[in-house]
Amino acid sequence: MAASSHRIMLGPLVAAIDQGTSSTRFLVFNSKTAELLSHHQVEIKQSFPKEGWVEEDPKEILQSVYECMERTCEKLTQLNIDISNIKAIGVTNQRETTLVWDKETGEPLYNAIGKVLGLCMLFLHPVLLCCELTEVFFSVWLDLRTQSTVERLINKTPGRNKNHLKHKTGLPISTYFSAVKLRWLMDNVDEVREAVVCHRAMFGTVDSWLIWCLTGGKKGGVHCTDVTNASRTMLFNIHTMDWDPELCKYFGIPMEILPRVRSSSEIYGLMKSGALSGIPISGCLGDQSAALVGQMCFQDGQAKNTYGTGCFLLRNTGPKPVMSDHGLLTTVAYKLGRDKPACYALEGSVAIAGAVVRWLQDNLGIIGSSEELEKLAASVGTSYGCYFVPAFSGLYAPYWEPSARGIICGLTQFTNKSHLAFAALEAVCFQTREILDAMNQDSGIPLTQLQVDGGMTSNRLLMQLQADILCIPVVKPSMPETTALGAAMAAGAAEGVSVWSLSPEDLSEVTSEKFEPQINPEESEFRYARWKKAVQKSMNWETTEPALK
């Protein structure tokens, strides 16, 4: 009792499970200040049974969640913070991940398999650049085993139109989305097919798997997903906000195996074991949607960009879905309550962002670290007319040109590695502008400020260049865990929890750094025009003609 009397009372706390590509994290926030109090991270083991394949164990993923929870609670106790003040738990996850398990045994019906691909393979469907880099339980990016499934499905459409279902789903028919993967599992895995026939199969994305297990599993676990994850399956109608019988029939998916679709903020069920037993799980968002919420982009026209290996841009388009004419995805951004309206988003991605740094480091050997890249670029402050188009496997949105290849142009005898470093950073910014220009055209509303997060935002020169190229401010929050924060906010705001108000007047002001444009618009447009010229030069390099020996 003596120890507990010294525990710090911070008011209601809210936790978030952040289940990502190669790791799981559990984070605890103060609901009144949005301060991150403690967290723990566990890496997920991967095995490579064949060249280019990666496998992960769904049960190991679940165990990593329990471990993160336990260790975080231990850390809070060491800080004299009372864990009984944790009032809710949110979940955020990699989207499109496809799992099937046996509801009677609780066992996954297939290994956690992924296919690690070079970007050269991604052009089978350009929409892949709007998606995460990895997946649990099935394919990481694109798995070539599903390509024949996609071709068969597209052959069923009038004119072999891969956008045939886009009016309902906001998505093209692609190997990436869950319906195709689930169809492949049913066609090729005996255990899955048998469980479906015997009415024992449960399908879900990784959020569904975790929530079902954490709320009891085979002993009454809740089989559900939220609208943001459901909207990435190609089985979900983004207008009716429910599973669509016609879509399920098209893919041959029995609706009985699908999880119940819930809002992103409501009590789904209670934790059934561990130190947090009895705590409600009350928030669920796909990772990009969670980052949008964590960046507090609640207004029509607000946007965030996550800078990692690639860039992932999401723009709030309000209560009505906007269909893109420029190759962007239309997706559900969030639905923060059962009786609240859904908000939609346009989504686009840059294939090569942080990957440029790795290429300069690992392939060319001109830098030893990402920090060195920033120092080199800052030492000259210009590309000296050098432009770098990293179209290593073609050009994506808004061009969708598979024949393009990477080029570096505008070289002179005075160009050195510092100028190339600057050009590489500019390339990330130019590509981001191309996506945002497409979003501006699709939505009809010019962007006035860009919220940013992700590992590359630590590069202050990159952030300044981005503001210069966009001619608008770029805002970086001081607390980088925006994805987990978004899940925690949704959980804390749920009816029956209500410890985190999402009303604009109640939202905690987030400390941030703002990068204002420092060059005039004419200079920005001149550089952007030169970039566009370089892009044109990169096209039509790849042909079907045999290479000369």
Protein backbone atom coordinates (compact mmCIF):
# COMPACT_ATOMS: atom_id res chain seq x y z
CA MET A 1 0.00 0.00 0.00
CA ALA A 2 2.89 2.33 0.72
CA ALA A 3 4.15 2.06 -2.85
CA SER A 4 0.73 2.70 -4.36
CA SER A 5 0.23 5.83 -2.25
CA HIS A 6 3.04 7.50 -4.20
CA ARG A 7 1.64 6.72 -7.62
CA ILE A 8 1.25 9.69 -9.91
CA MET A 9 -2.31 10.47 -10.93
CA LEU A 10 -2.27 12.02 -14.38
CA GLY A 11 -5.93 11.80 -15.22
CA PRO A 12 -7.34 9.39 -17.81
CA LEU A 13 -4.77 7.57 -19.92
CA VAL A 14 -5.39 5.95 -23.31
CA ALA A 15 -3.22 3.32 -24.97
CA ALA A 16 -2.64 2.31 -28.58
CA ILE A 17 -1.48 -0.89 -30.24
CA ASP A 18 0.55 0.01 -33.33
CA GLN A 19 1.06 -3.20 -35.31
CA GLY A 20 3.38 -2.45 -38.18
CA THR A 21 5.45 -4.10 -40.84
CA SER A 22 8.37 -5.43 -38.84
CA SER A 23 7.43 -4.55 -35.27
CA THR A 24 4.63 -4.12 -32.77
CA ARG A 25 4.42 -1.25 -30.30
CA PHE A 26 2.22 -0.35 -27.36
CA LEU A 27 2.06 3.33 -26.40
CA VAL A 28 0.29 5.15 -23.56
CA PHE A 29 -0.86 8.77 -23.81
CA ASN A 30 -2.26 11.34 -21.40
CA SER A 31 -5.72 12.08 -22.81
CA LYS A 32 -5.67 15.67 -21.54
CA THR A 33 -2.34 16.71 -23.00
CA ALA A 34 -1.65 14.10 -25.75
CA GLU A 35 1.72 13.52 -24.06
CA LEU A 36 3.37 10.16 -24.72
CA LEU A 37 4.14 8.68 -21.30
CA SER A 38 5.70 5.33 -22.14
CA HIS A 39 5.94 2.69 -24.82
CA HIS A 40 7.56 -0.61 -25.73
CA GLN A 41 8.45 -2.14 -29.08
CA VAL A 42 9.00 -5.75 -30.13
CA GLU A 43 10.47 -6.73 -33.48
CA ILE A 44 8.62 -9.33 -35.56
CA LYS A 45 10.77 -12.17 -36.85
CA GLN A 46 10.73 -12.86 -40.55
CA SER A 47 11.86 -15.97 -42.40
CA PHE A 48 12.69 -16.35 -46.08
CA PRO A 49 11.82 -19.88 -47.24
CA LYS A 50 12.33 -19.01 -50.90
CA GLU A 51 14.11 -16.26 -52.73
CA GLY A 52 11.98 -13.13 -52.55
CA TRP A 53 9.51 -14.55 -50.02
CA VAL A 54 8.99 -13.43 -46.45
CA GLU A 55 6.93 -15.23 -43.83
CA GLU A 56 5.61 -14.15 -40.44
CA ASP A 57 3.67 -15.97 -37.77
CA PRO A 58 0.26 -14.48 -36.85
CA LYS A 59 0.52 -16.04 -33.40
CA GLU A 60 3.89 -14.40 -32.90
CA ILE A 61 2.31 -11.08 -33.83
CA LEU A 62 -0.35 -11.63 -31.18
CA GLN A 63 2.28 -12.60 -28.62
CA SER A 64 4.24 -9.45 -29.45
CA VAL A 65 1.17 -7.39 -28.56
CA TYR A 66 0.90 -9.07 -25.16
CA GLU A 67 4.62 -8.58 -24.55
CA CYS A 68 4.47 -4.90 -25.46
CA MET A 69 1.51 -4.38 -23.16
CA GLU A 70 3.21 -6.13 -20.25
CA ARG A 71 6.52 -4.30 -20.64
CA THR A 72 4.85 -0.91 -21.04
CA CYS A 73 2.81 -1.48 -17.89
CA GLU A 74 6.03 -2.37 -16.06
CA LYS A 75 7.64 0.86 -17.27
CA LEU A 76 4.64 2.90 -16.13
CA THR A 77 4.79 1.28 -12.71
CA GLN A 78 8.49 2.14 -12.48
CA LEU A 79 7.49 5.75 -13.21
CA ASN A 80 4.92 5.52 -10.39
CA ILE A 81 2.10 5.95 -12.90
CA ASP A 82 -1.03 4.02 -11.98
CA ILE A 83 -1.95 1.68 -14.85
CA SER A 84 -5.52 1.53 -13.57
CA ASN A 85 -5.89 4.96 -15.14
CA ILE A 86 -5.70 3.41 -18.62
CA LYS A 87 -9.32 3.74 -19.70
CA ALA A 88 -9.24 2.51 -23.31
CA ILE A 89 -7.10 0.90 -25.99
CA GLY A 90 -6.98 1.72 -29.70
CA VAL A 91 -5.62 -0.37 -32.56
CA THR A 92 -3.84 0.81 -35.68
CA ASN A 93 -2.42 -1.53 -38.27
CA GLN A 94 -1.05 -2.13 -41.71
CA ARG A 95 -4.00 -2.24 -44.05
CA GLU A 96 -5.03 -4.86 -46.64
CA THR A 97 -3.33 -7.62 -44.64
CA THR A 98 -5.33 -10.80 -45.19
CA LEU A 99 -5.83 -13.46 -42.53
CA VAL A 100 -8.05 -16.52 -42.31
CA TRP A 101 -8.38 -18.54 -39.11
CA ASP A 102 -10.50 -21.33 -37.63
CA LYS A 103 -13.09 -19.94 -35.25
CA GLU A 104 -13.35 -23.25 -33.38
CA THR A 105 -9.65 -23.78 -32.72
CA GLY A 106 -8.48 -20.18 -32.94
CA GLU A 107 -5.61 -21.29 -35.17
CA PRO A 108 -4.50 -19.47 -38.35
CA LEU A 109 -5.17 -21.59 -41.43
CA TYR A 110 -2.10 -20.55 -43.37
CA ASN A 111 1.43 -19.39 -42.72
CA ALA A 112 2.16 -15.68 -42.59
CA ILE A 113 3.51 -15.33 -46.09
CA GLY A 114 4.73 -12.28 -47.96
CA LYS A 115 6.56 -11.65 -51.18
CA VAL A 116 9.35 -9.09 -51.03
CA LEU A 117 9.66 -7.47 -54.41
CA GLY A 118 11.93 -5.07 -56.13
CA LEU A 119 10.06 -2.03 -57.35
CA CYS A 120 10.51 -3.32 -60.89
CA MET A 121 7.69 -5.80 -60.26
CA LEU A 122 5.23 -3.28 -58.97
CA PHE A 123 4.06 -2.05 -62.32
CA LEU A 124 1.60 -4.86 -62.78
CA HIS A 125 -0.79 -2.50 -61.03
CA PRO A 126 0.17 1.13 -60.48
CA VAL A 127 -2.22 1.48 -57.53
CA LEU A 128 0.32 -0.39 -55.45
CA LEU A 129 2.20 2.81 -54.90
CA CYS A 130 -0.70 3.97 -52.75
CA CYS A 131 -0.14 1.13 -50.31
CA GLU A 132 2.15 0.12 -47.49
CA LEU A 133 5.39 -1.74 -48.00
CA THR A 134 4.53 -4.95 -46.21
CA GLU A 135 1.78 -7.21 -45.03
CA VAL A 136 1.26 -9.87 -42.41
CA PHE A 137 -0.16 -13.32 -43.18
CA PHE A 138 -0.19 -12.95 -46.89
CA SER A 139 1.45 -10.74 -49.44
CA VAL A 140 3.97 -8.01 -48.87
CA TRP A 141 3.13 -5.53 -51.59
CA LEU A 142 2.31 -7.65 -54.60
CA ASP A 143 2.52 -11.45 -54.63
CA LEU A 144 2.91 -12.81 -58.14
CA ARG A 145 0.91 -15.90 -57.19
CA THR A 146 -2.21 -13.74 -57.26
CA GLN A 147 -1.53 -12.20 -60.67
CA SER A 148 -3.40 -14.96 -62.50
CA THR A 149 -6.31 -14.44 -60.11
CA VAL A 150 -6.37 -10.75 -61.00
CA GLU A 151 -6.22 -11.47 -64.72
CA ARG A 152 -9.10 -13.91 -64.41
CA LEU A 153 -11.16 -11.35 -62.49
CA ILE A 154 -10.41 -8.55 -64.95
CA ASN A 155 -11.39 -10.82 -67.83
CA LYS A 156 -14.87 -10.95 -66.30
CA THR A 157 -15.29 -7.17 -66.65
CA PRO A 158 -16.58 -5.32 -69.72
CA GLY A 159 -13.61 -4.27 -71.80
CA ARG A 160 -11.20 -5.84 -69.28
CA ASN A 161 -11.48 -2.66 -67.25
CA LYS A 162 -9.58 -2.84 -63.97
CA ASN A 163 -11.59 0.17 -62.73
CA HIS A 164 -14.88 -1.68 -63.21
CA LEU A 165 -15.56 -1.77 -59.44
CA LYS A 166 -14.12 1.63 -58.62
CA HIS A 167 -17.53 3.34 -58.45
CA LYS A 168 -18.33 1.20 -55.40
CA THR A 169 -14.91 0.61 -53.86
CA GLY A 170 -12.79 3.61 -54.85
CA LEU A 171 -10.15 1.06 -55.87
CA PRO A 172 -9.00 -0.67 -59.06
CA ILE A 173 -8.91 -4.46 -59.25
CA SER A 174 -5.43 -5.22 -57.98
CA THR A 175 -3.38 -7.99 -56.44
CA TYR A 176 -2.83 -5.73 -53.47
CA PHE A 177 -6.31 -5.57 -51.95
CA SER A 178 -7.72 -8.21 -49.63
CA ALA A 179 -10.46 -9.69 -51.81
CA VAL A 180 -7.98 -10.97 -54.39
CA LYS A 181 -5.78 -12.47 -51.70
CA LEU A 182 -8.72 -14.13 -50.01
CA ARG A 183 -9.85 -15.56 -53.34
CA TRP A 184 -6.36 -16.95 -53.89
CA LEU A 185 -6.35 -18.57 -50.44
CA MET A 186 -9.71 -20.20 -51.10
CA ASP A 187 -8.51 -21.49 -54.46
CA ASN A 188 -5.10 -22.75 -53.38
CA VAL A 189 -5.05 -23.66 -49.69
CA ASP A 190 -6.94 -26.82 -48.77
CA GLU A 191 -7.27 -25.87 -45.10
CA VAL A 192 -8.85 -22.54 -45.98
CA ARG A 193 -11.20 -24.05 -48.53
CA GLU A 194 -12.29 -26.80 -46.11
CA ALA A 195 -12.89 -24.33 -43.27
CA VAL A 196 -15.01 -22.15 -45.56
CA VAL A 197 -17.10 -25.14 -46.66
CA CYS A 198 -17.52 -26.29 -43.04
CA HIS A 199 -18.46 -22.77 -41.86
CA ARG A 200 -15.46 -22.55 -39.55
CA ALA A 201 -13.48 -19.86 -41.39
CA MET A 202 -13.09 -16.29 -40.23
CA PHE A 203 -11.55 -13.65 -42.47
CA GLY A 204 -10.10 -10.38 -41.32
CA THR A 205 -7.39 -7.82 -41.66
CA VAL A 206 -4.79 -7.69 -38.88
CA ASP A 207 -6.99 -5.47 -36.72
CA SER A 208 -9.74 -8.10 -36.85
CA TRP A 209 -7.32 -10.85 -35.82
CA LEU A 210 -6.00 -8.85 -32.87
CA ILE A 211 -9.38 -7.65 -31.61
CA TRP A 212 -10.88 -11.16 -31.90
CA CYS A 213 -7.98 -12.68 -29.96
CA LEU A 214 -7.74 -9.95 -27.31
CA THR A 215 -11.48 -10.04 -26.58
CA GLY A 216 -11.62 -13.77 -25.99
CA GLY A 217 -10.78 -15.57 -29.23
CA LYS A 218 -12.64 -18.85 -29.59
CA LYS A 219 -14.32 -18.13 -26.25
CA GLY A 220 -16.52 -15.30 -27.46
CA GLY A 221 -14.04 -13.01 -29.19
CA VAL A 222 -15.48 -10.10 -31.17
CA HIS A 223 -15.13 -10.54 -34.93
CA CYS A 224 -15.12 -7.00 -36.32
CA THR A 225 -13.22 -4.45 -38.32
CA ASP A 226 -13.56 -0.71 -38.83
CA VAL A 227 -14.61 1.21 -41.91
CA THR A 228 -11.07 2.30 -42.81
CA ASN A 229 -9.75 -1.25 -42.96
CA ALA A 230 -12.92 -2.57 -44.60
CA SER A 231 -12.61 0.04 -47.34
CA ARG A 232 -9.33 -1.56 -48.47
CA THR A 233 -10.73 -5.02 -49.12
CA MET A 234 -12.66 -4.39 -52.38
CA LEU A 235 -15.66 -6.07 -50.72
CA PHE A 236 -16.86 -2.87 -49.03
CA ASN A 237 -19.19 -0.31 -50.60
CA ILE A 238 -17.86 3.11 -49.59
CA HIS A 239 -21.28 4.67 -50.22
CA THR A 240 -23.49 2.30 -48.22
CA MET A 241 -20.67 1.80 -45.67
CA ASP A 242 -21.17 -1.96 -45.53
CA TRP A 243 -20.17 -5.20 -47.23
CA ASP A 244 -21.64 -5.30 -50.71
CA PRO A 245 -23.38 -8.54 -51.82
CA GLU A 246 -22.59 -7.89 -55.49
CA LEU A 247 -18.90 -7.37 -54.76
CA CYS A 248 -18.77 -10.51 -52.64
CA LYS A 249 -20.48 -12.44 -55.44
CA TYR A 250 -18.03 -11.07 -58.01
CA PHE A 251 -15.07 -12.37 -55.98
CA GLY A 252 -16.89 -15.51 -54.85
CA ILE A 253 -16.50 -14.67 -51.16
CA PRO A 254 -19.16 -15.97 -48.72
CA MET A 255 -20.35 -13.05 -46.60
CA GLU A 256 -20.59 -15.21 -43.48
CA ILE A 257 -16.81 -15.23 -43.06
CA LEU A 258 -16.55 -11.43 -43.04
CA PRO A 259 -16.19 -9.44 -39.81
CA ARG A 260 -18.87 -7.00 -38.73
CA VAL A 261 -18.03 -3.47 -39.88
CA ARG A 262 -17.97 -0.91 -37.08
CA SER A 263 -17.06 2.75 -36.82
CA SER A 264 -13.50 3.78 -35.98
CA SER A 265 -14.51 4.91 -32.49
CA GLU A 266 -16.78 2.71 -30.35
CA ILE A 267 -16.41 -0.04 -27.78
CA TYR A 268 -15.84 -3.30 -29.65
CA GLY A 269 -15.18 -5.48 -26.61
CA LEU A 270 -13.12 -5.82 -23.43
CA MET A 271 -9.62 -7.17 -22.89
CA LYS A 272 -9.95 -10.67 -21.47
CA SER A 273 -6.51 -11.28 -19.97
CA GLY A 274 -3.34 -9.66 -18.71
CA ALA A 275 -2.74 -6.57 -16.62
CA LEU A 276 -5.27 -4.63 -18.69
CA SER A 277 -8.08 -7.18 -18.45
CA GLY A 278 -11.45 -5.45 -18.52
CA ILE A 279 -10.21 -2.38 -20.42
CA PRO A 280 -12.33 -1.61 -23.52
CA ILE A 281 -10.85 -1.77 -27.00
CA SER A 282 -12.64 1.21 -28.47
CA GLY A 283 -10.66 2.63 -31.38
CA CYS A 284 -9.54 1.13 -34.69
CA LEU A 285 -8.00 2.76 -37.76
CA GLY A 286 -5.77 1.68 -40.62
CA ASP A 287 -2.37 3.28 -40.17
CA GLN A 288 -2.66 6.04 -42.76
CA SER A 289 -6.08 7.05 -41.45
CA ALA A 290 -4.74 6.97 -37.90
CA ALA A 291 -1.95 9.36 -38.92
CA LEU A 292 -4.53 11.69 -40.48
CA VAL A 293 -6.46 11.74 -37.19
CA GLY A 294 -3.27 12.07 -35.15
CA GLN A 295 -2.34 15.09 -37.28
CA MET A 296 -5.83 16.44 -36.51
CA CYS A 297 -6.69 16.83 -40.18
CA PHE A 298 -10.43 16.95 -39.53
CA GLN A 299 -11.32 19.67 -42.04
CA ASP A 300 -12.12 19.21 -45.71
CA GLY A 301 -8.94 20.03 -47.63
CA GLN A 302 -6.42 19.24 -44.89
CA ALA A 303 -3.69 16.77 -45.76
CA LYS A 304 -0.79 14.87 -44.25
CA ASN A 305 2.27 13.27 -45.79
CA THR A 306 4.21 10.47 -44.13
CA TYR A 307 7.85 10.36 -45.26
CA GLY A 308 9.39 6.91 -45.07
CA THR A 309 10.76 4.52 -47.69
CA GLY A 310 8.08 6.08 -49.85
CA CYS A 311 5.67 8.91 -49.12
CA PHE A 312 2.04 8.33 -48.22
CA LEU A 313 -0.32 11.24 -48.72
CA LEU A 314 -3.88 11.39 -47.44
CA ARG A 315 -6.17 14.35 -48.01
CA ASN A 316 -9.48 14.82 -46.20
CA THR A 317 -12.26 15.39 -48.75
CA GLY A 318 -15.12 15.65 -46.25
CA PRO A 319 -18.41 13.73 -46.10
CA LYS A 320 -18.59 12.87 -49.80
CA PRO A 321 -16.17 10.60 -51.68
CA VAL A 322 -14.22 12.26 -54.48
CA MET A 323 -13.33 10.00 -57.41
CA SER A 324 -9.93 10.74 -58.88
CA ASP A 325 -9.18 11.39 -62.53
CA HIS A 326 -5.45 11.21 -61.82
CA GLY A 327 -4.87 7.68 -60.58
CA LEU A 328 -5.40 8.37 -56.88
CA LEU A 329 -7.38 6.12 -54.55
CA THR A 330 -10.66 7.09 -52.93
CA THR A 331 -10.85 5.72 -49.42
CA VAL A 332 -12.64 6.10 -46.10
CA ALA A 333 -10.61 8.42 -43.86
CA TYR A 334 -12.48 7.69 -40.61
CA LYS A 335 -15.88 7.45 -38.94
CA LEU A 336 -15.45 8.62 -35.37
CA GLY A 337 -18.59 7.17 -33.80
CA ARG A 338 -21.54 4.94 -34.65
CA ASP A 339 -23.81 7.92 -35.27
CA LYS A 340 -21.15 10.18 -36.77
CA PRO A 341 -20.79 10.72 -40.52
CA ALA A 342 -17.96 9.08 -42.40
CA CYS A 343 -15.22 11.26 -43.82
CA TYR A 344 -13.43 10.32 -47.02
CA ALA A 345 -9.96 10.92 -48.40
CA LEU A 346 -7.93 10.90 -51.57
CA GLU A 347 -4.76 8.87 -51.24
CA GLY A 348 -1.60 8.85 -53.28
CA SER A 349 1.96 7.72 -52.82
CA VAL A 350 5.50 8.48 -53.86
CA ALA A 351 7.41 5.26 -54.52
CA ILE A 352 10.93 6.48 -53.82
CA ALA A 353 11.59 8.79 -50.87
CA GLY A 354 13.82 7.36 -48.14
CA ALA A 355 14.75 4.69 -50.68
CA VAL A 356 16.73 7.40 -52.50
CA VAL A 357 18.96 7.74 -49.45
CA ARG A 358 19.57 4.00 -49.33
CA TRP A 359 20.35 3.94 -53.05
CA LEU A 360 22.92 6.72 -52.73
CA GLN A 361 24.43 4.96 -49.72
CA ASP A 362 24.31 1.30 -50.75
CA ASN A 363 24.50 1.46 -54.55
CA LEU A 364 26.64 4.53 -55.26
CA GLY A 365 28.50 4.72 -51.95
CA ILE A 366 28.63 8.52 -51.96
CA ILE A 367 27.20 8.86 -48.44
CA GLY A 368 27.57 6.84 -45.26
CA SER A 369 24.30 7.82 -43.59
CA SER A 370 21.13 9.84 -44.00
CA GLU A 371 22.65 12.54 -41.78
CA GLU A 372 25.56 12.84 -44.19
CA LEU A 373 23.13 13.37 -47.07
CA GLU A 374 21.65 16.41 -45.32
CA LYS A 375 25.11 17.83 -44.55
CA LEU A 376 26.28 17.37 -48.13
CA ALA A 377 23.18 19.00 -49.57
CA ALA A 378 23.29 21.87 -47.09
CA SER A 379 26.95 22.53 -47.88
CA VAL A 380 26.03 23.71 -51.40
CA GLY A 381 22.38 24.76 -51.01
CA THR A 382 21.65 24.06 -54.67
CA SER A 383 21.56 21.25 -57.19
CA TYR A 384 23.52 23.47 -59.60
CA GLY A 385 20.99 22.67 -62.33
CA CYS A 386 21.15 18.92 -61.68
CA TYR A 387 17.85 17.01 -61.60
CA PHE A 388 17.37 13.46 -60.38
CA VAL A 389 14.28 11.45 -61.42
CA PRO A 390 14.33 8.19 -59.38
CA ALA A 391 12.07 6.27 -61.77
CA PHE A 392 13.92 3.04 -61.01
CA SER A 393 10.97 0.94 -62.13
CA GLY A 394 8.84 3.42 -64.01
CA LEU A 395 6.82 6.53 -63.21
CA TYR A 396 3.75 6.34 -61.03
CA ALA A 397 1.01 8.88 -60.27
CA PRO A 398 0.20 11.01 -62.13
CA TYR A 399 2.06 9.51 -65.14
CA TRP A 400 1.69 5.72 -64.84
CA GLU A 401 4.48 5.20 -67.36
CA PRO A 402 6.19 1.79 -66.99
CA SER A 403 8.76 2.54 -69.70
CA ALA A 404 10.43 5.29 -67.65
CA ARG A 405 13.74 4.73 -65.91
CA GLY A 406 15.76 6.77 -63.45
CA ILE A 407 17.91 9.56 -64.81
CA ILE A 408 20.24 12.24 -63.53
CA CYS A 409 20.46 15.15 -65.96
CA GLY A 410 21.79 18.69 -66.13
CA LEU A 411 25.31 17.56 -65.18
CA THR A 412 28.28 19.84 -65.82
CA GLN A 413 32.00 19.52 -65.10
CA PHE A 414 31.37 21.36 -61.84
CA THR A 415 28.68 18.98 -60.53
CA ASN A 416 29.78 17.04 -57.46
CA LYS A 417 28.23 14.63 -54.98
CA SER A 418 26.89 17.48 -52.86
CA HIS A 419 24.82 18.74 -55.78
CA LEU A 420 23.55 15.21 -56.37
CA ALA A 421 22.59 14.95 -52.69
CA PHE A 422 20.61 18.18 -53.01
CA ALA A 423 18.94 16.93 -56.21
CA ALA A 424 17.94 13.70 -54.45
CA LEU A 425 16.18 15.63 -51.68
CA GLU A 426 14.50 17.86 -54.24
CA ALA A 427 13.25 14.76 -56.07
CA VAL A 428 11.26 13.73 -52.99
CA CYS A 429 9.73 17.20 -52.84
CA PHE A 430 8.92 17.38 -56.55
CA GLN A 431 7.21 13.98 -56.47
CA THR A 432 5.16 15.05 -53.45
CA ARG A 433 4.11 18.18 -55.30
CA GLU A 434 2.95 16.12 -58.29
CA ILE A 435 0.66 14.07 -56.03
CA LEU A 436 -0.66 17.16 -54.26
CA ASP A 437 -1.26 18.90 -57.59
CA ALA A 438 -3.36 15.89 -58.62
CA MET A 439 -5.26 16.09 -55.34
CA ASN A 440 -5.86 19.81 -55.86
CA GLN A 441 -7.28 19.12 -59.32
CA ASP A 442 -9.47 16.24 -58.13
CA SER A 443 -10.84 18.08 -55.10
CA GLY A 444 -10.98 21.59 -56.52
CA ILE A 445 -9.60 22.98 -53.26
CA PRO A 446 -6.00 24.25 -53.16
CA LEU A 447 -3.99 22.97 -50.21
CA THR A 448 -2.91 25.76 -47.85
CA GLN A 449 -0.68 23.81 -45.45
CA LEU A 450 0.84 20.32 -45.34
CA GLN A 451 1.13 18.29 -42.13
CA VAL A 452 4.12 15.95 -42.14
CA ASP A 453 5.39 12.98 -40.15
CA GLY A 454 7.66 9.98 -40.60
CA GLY A 455 11.36 9.30 -40.27
CA MET A 456 12.57 11.61 -43.05
CA THR A 457 11.02 14.66 -41.39
CA SER A 458 14.08 14.79 -39.11
CA ASN A 459 15.87 16.16 -42.18
CA ARG A 460 15.21 19.87 -41.71
CA LEU A 461 16.63 20.77 -45.11
CA LEU A 462 14.17 18.38 -46.76
CA MET A 463 11.27 19.99 -44.91
CA GLN A 464 12.41 23.46 -45.95
CA LEU A 465 12.78 22.35 -49.56
CA GLN A 466 9.28 20.86 -49.42
CA ALA A 467 7.84 24.19 -48.28
CA ASP A 468 9.76 25.97 -51.04
CA ILE A 469 8.59 23.59 -53.76
CA LEU A 470 4.94 23.61 -52.61
CA CYS A 471 4.88 27.36 -51.88
CA ILE A 472 2.91 26.61 -48.70
CA PRO A 473 3.90 26.04 -45.06
CA VAL A 474 4.96 22.56 -43.97
CA VAL A 475 4.13 21.72 -40.34
CA LYS A 476 5.92 19.01 -38.36
CA PRO A 477 4.61 18.04 -34.90
CA SER A 478 7.20 17.73 -32.15
CA MET A 479 5.66 14.42 -31.03
CA PRO A 480 6.35 12.06 -33.95
CA GLU A 481 4.00 9.19 -32.97
CA THR A 482 1.01 10.56 -34.87
CA THR A 483 -0.25 7.16 -36.04
CA ALA A 484 -0.50 5.73 -32.52
CA LEU A 485 -1.86 9.05 -31.28
CA GLY A 486 -4.69 8.87 -33.82
CA ALA A 487 -5.69 5.40 -32.62
CA ALA A 488 -5.58 6.56 -29.00
CA MET A 489 -7.72 9.61 -29.79
CA ALA A 490 -10.35 7.43 -31.48
CA ALA A 491 -10.37 5.05 -28.50
CA GLY A 492 -10.60 7.80 -25.90
CA ALA A 493 -13.41 9.58 -27.75
CA ALA A 494 -15.65 6.50 -27.99
CA GLU A 495 -19.10 6.62 -26.44
CA GLY A 496 -18.91 4.94 -23.05
CA VAL A 497 -15.27 6.01 -22.64
CA SER A 498 -15.43 9.74 -23.42
CA VAL A 499 -12.11 10.79 -21.93
CA TRP A 500 -10.76 12.44 -25.10
CA SER A 501 -12.83 15.17 -26.70
CA LEU A 502 -12.38 15.63 -30.43
CA SER A 503 -14.25 18.94 -30.50
CA PRO A 504 -12.00 21.58 -32.09
CA GLU A 505 -12.16 23.79 -29.01
CA ASP A 506 -11.06 20.91 -26.76
CA LEU A 507 -8.21 19.48 -28.80
CA SER A 508 -4.81 19.92 -27.20
CA GLU A 509 -2.60 22.33 -29.08
CA VAL A 510 0.24 20.29 -30.50
CA THR A 511 3.71 21.78 -30.37
CA SER A 512 5.05 21.88 -33.88
CA GLU A 513 7.68 23.37 -36.13
CA LYS A 514 6.53 25.30 -39.18
CA PHE A 515 8.65 25.63 -42.31
CA GLU A 516 7.63 28.66 -44.36
CA PRO A 517 8.57 29.04 -48.04
CA GLN A 518 11.82 30.97 -48.35
CA ILE A 519 11.97 31.40 -52.10
CA ASN A 520 9.60 33.34 -54.33
CA PRO A 521 6.92 31.49 -56.31
CA GLU A 522 8.64 32.28 -59.61
CA GLU A 523 11.81 30.48 -58.51
CA SER A 524 9.77 27.53 -57.27
CA GLU A 525 7.86 27.27 -60.55
CA PHE A 526 11.08 27.52 -62.57
CA ARG A 527 12.65 24.60 -60.69
CA TYR A 528 9.46 22.58 -60.89
CA ALA A 529 9.26 23.17 -64.66
CA ARG A 530 12.84 21.94 -65.05
CA TRP A 531 11.95 18.85 -63.01
CA LYS A 532 8.98 18.19 -65.31
CA LYS A 533 11.31 18.48 -68.29
CA ALA A 534 13.62 15.91 -66.69
CA VAL A 535 10.64 13.62 -66.13
CA GLN A 536 9.86 13.72 -69.85
CA LYS A 537 13.46 12.78 -70.59
CA SER A 538 13.11 9.71 -68.36
CA MET A 539 10.29 8.21 -70.41
CA ASN A 540 10.44 5.54 -73.13
CA TRP A 541 13.71 4.00 -71.97
CA GLU A 542 12.46 0.49 -71.32
CA THR A 543 11.43 -1.39 -74.45
CA THR A 544 10.69 -4.96 -75.46
CA GLU A 545 13.81 -5.03 -77.64
CA PRO A 546 16.60 -7.35 -76.42
CA ALA A 547 19.50 -5.63 -74.71
CA LEU A 548 22.79 -5.51 -76.61
CA LYS A 549 25.43 -7.87 -75.25
